Amino acid sequence: MIKQGHRVIGLDNINDYYDVNLKYARLSELGITKEAATVFAEISESKIHGNQMQFIRINLEDRTQLPELFKRFKLATTS
């Protein structure tokens, strides 16, 4: 998606449903440091892709922060 010019915003709560080290390793491949990804509700910018790839650690069930994220980045929703 990045190669096609799209901006990518990844989100995860980094829970232990599966190995968190694997999650951090995958984020690292995208240029997101473990230190940046451990902080809740803070947007981290990729050291490789700049603001074309960002990550935020939030819970998908968060009924306050998730709508704010959509609003902030003007993300489209479908019904």
C-alpha atoms as a PDB file:
ATOM      1  CA  MET A   1       0.000   0.000   0.000  1.00  0.00           C
ATOM      2  CA  ILE A   2       2.834   2.386   0.831  1.00  0.00           C
ATOM      3  CA  LYS A   3       4.472   1.696  -2.535  1.00  0.00           C
ATOM      4  CA  GLN A   4       1.195   2.693  -4.182  1.00  0.00           C
ATOM      5  CA  GLY A   5       1.298   6.030  -2.372  1.00  0.00           C
ATOM      6  CA  HIS A   6      -1.218   5.232   0.352  1.00  0.00           C
ATOM      7  CA  ARG A   7      -0.784   6.349   3.927  1.00  0.00           C
ATOM      8  CA  VAL A   8      -0.941   3.432   6.354  1.00  0.00           C
ATOM      9  CA  ILE A   9      -1.960   3.698   9.981  1.00  0.00           C
ATOM     10  CA  GLY A  10      -1.497   0.470  11.899  1.00  0.00           C
ATOM     11  CA  LEU A  11      -3.141  -0.131  15.214  1.00  0.00           C
ATOM     12  CA  ASP A  12      -2.935  -2.888  17.768  1.00  0.00           C
ATOM     13  CA  ASN A  13      -3.157  -3.256  21.510  1.00  0.00           C
ATOM     14  CA  ILE A  14      -0.089  -5.567  21.540  1.00  0.00           C
ATOM     15  CA  ASN A  15      -1.783  -8.085  23.817  1.00  0.00           C
ATOM     16  CA  ASP A  16      -0.386 -11.559  24.424  1.00  0.00           C
ATOM     17  CA  TYR A  17      -2.903 -13.450  22.281  1.00  0.00           C
ATOM     18  CA  TYR A  18       0.196 -14.414  20.351  1.00  0.00           C
ATOM     19  CA  ASP A  19       3.867 -13.685  20.914  1.00  0.00           C
ATOM     20  CA  VAL A  20       4.314  -9.953  21.512  1.00  0.00           C
ATOM     21  CA  ASN A  21       7.960 -10.208  20.471  1.00  0.00           C
ATOM     22  CA  LEU A  22       6.780 -11.303  17.031  1.00  0.00           C
ATOM     23  CA  LYS A  23       4.483  -8.265  16.887  1.00  0.00           C
ATOM     24  CA  TYR A  24       7.330  -5.931  17.839  1.00  0.00           C
ATOM     25  CA  ALA A  25       9.621  -7.597  15.275  1.00  0.00           C
ATOM     26  CA  ARG A  26       7.065  -7.020  12.532  1.00  0.00           C
ATOM     27  CA  LEU A  27       6.641  -3.395  13.569  1.00  0.00           C
ATOM     28  CA  SER A  28      10.425  -3.022  13.533  1.00  0.00           C
ATOM     29  CA  GLU A  29      10.492  -4.217   9.915  1.00  0.00           C
ATOM     30  CA  LEU A  30       8.154  -1.305   9.161  1.00  0.00           C
ATOM     31  CA  GLY A  31      10.391   1.175  10.980  1.00  0.00           C
ATOM     32  CA  ILE A  32       8.381   1.413  14.215  1.00  0.00           C
ATOM     33  CA  THR A  33      10.573   0.969  17.296  1.00  0.00           C
ATOM     34  CA  LYS A  34       9.502  -1.192  20.221  1.00  0.00           C
ATOM     35  CA  GLU A  35       9.975   1.769  22.554  1.00  0.00           C
ATOM     36  CA  ALA A  36       7.553   3.872  20.522  1.00  0.00           C
ATOM     37  CA  ALA A  37       5.033   1.038  20.120  1.00  0.00           C
ATOM     38  CA  THR A  38       4.788   0.317  23.845  1.00  0.00           C
ATOM     39  CA  VAL A  39       3.159   3.663  24.645  1.00  0.00           C
ATOM     40  CA  PHE A  40      -0.648   3.624  24.533  1.00  0.00           C
ATOM     41  CA  ALA A  41      -2.475   6.233  22.439  1.00  0.00           C
ATOM     42  CA  GLU A  42       0.680   7.805  21.008  1.00  0.00           C
ATOM     43  CA  ILE A  43       1.182   7.874  17.260  1.00  0.00           C
ATOM     44  CA  SER A  44       4.587   6.630  16.153  1.00  0.00           C
ATOM     45  CA  GLU A  45       6.060   7.502  12.781  1.00  0.00           C
ATOM     46  CA  SER A  46       8.071   4.982  10.793  1.00  0.00           C
ATOM     47  CA  LYS A  47      11.826   5.586  10.666  1.00  0.00           C
ATOM     48  CA  ILE A  48      11.767   4.024   7.190  1.00  0.00           C
ATOM     49  CA  HIS A  49       8.587   5.371   5.595  1.00  0.00           C
ATOM     50  CA  GLY A  50       8.074   8.613   7.540  1.00  0.00           C
ATOM     51  CA  ASN A  51       4.488   9.704   8.009  1.00  0.00           C
ATOM     52  CA  GLN A  52       3.350   7.326   5.253  1.00  0.00           C
ATOM     53  CA  MET A  53       3.480   4.548   7.888  1.00  0.00           C
ATOM     54  CA  GLN A  54       2.352   5.285  11.394  1.00  0.00           C
ATOM     55  CA  PHE A  55       1.371   3.106  14.330  1.00  0.00           C
ATOM     56  CA  ILE A  56      -0.782   3.660  17.369  1.00  0.00           C
ATOM     57  CA  ARG A  57      -1.258   1.273  20.255  1.00  0.00           C
ATOM     58  CA  ILE A  58      -4.911   1.303  21.231  1.00  0.00           C
ATOM     59  CA  ASN A  59      -7.644  -1.187  21.982  1.00  0.00           C
ATOM     60  CA  LEU A  60     -10.140  -1.673  19.184  1.00  0.00           C
ATOM     61  CA  GLU A  61     -12.865  -1.669  21.839  1.00  0.00           C
ATOM     62  CA  ASP A  62     -11.904   1.841  22.976  1.00  0.00           C
ATOM     63  CA  ARG A  63     -15.053   3.799  22.201  1.00  0.00           C
ATOM     64  CA  THR A  64     -13.343   7.108  22.896  1.00  0.00           C
ATOM     65  CA  GLN A  65      -9.951   6.913  21.215  1.00  0.00           C
ATOM     66  CA  LEU A  66     -10.889   4.892  18.136  1.00  0.00           C
ATOM     67  CA  PRO A  67     -13.479   7.424  16.881  1.00  0.00           C
ATOM     68  CA  GLU A  68     -10.995  10.222  17.646  1.00  0.00           C
ATOM     69  CA  LEU A  69      -8.390   8.441  15.513  1.00  0.00           C
ATOM     70  CA  PHE A  70     -10.843   8.201  12.609  1.00  0.00           C
ATOM     71  CA  LYS A  71     -11.717  11.861  13.013  1.00  0.00           C
ATOM     72  CA  ARG A  72      -8.100  13.027  13.298  1.00  0.00           C
ATOM     73  CA  PHE A  73      -6.960  11.226  10.163  1.00  0.00           C
ATOM     74  CA  LYS A  74     -10.244  11.704   8.293  1.00  0.00           C
ATOM     75  CA  LEU A  75     -10.571   7.948   7.818  1.00  0.00           C
ATOM     76  CA  ALA A  76     -13.578   6.791   5.864  1.00  0.00           C
ATOM     77  CA  THR A  77     -16.113   4.467   7.369  1.00  0.00           C
ATOM     78  CA  THR A  78     -18.692   2.345   5.595  1.00  0.00           C
ATOM     79  CA  SER A  79     -22.056   1.234   6.841  1.00  0.00           C
END
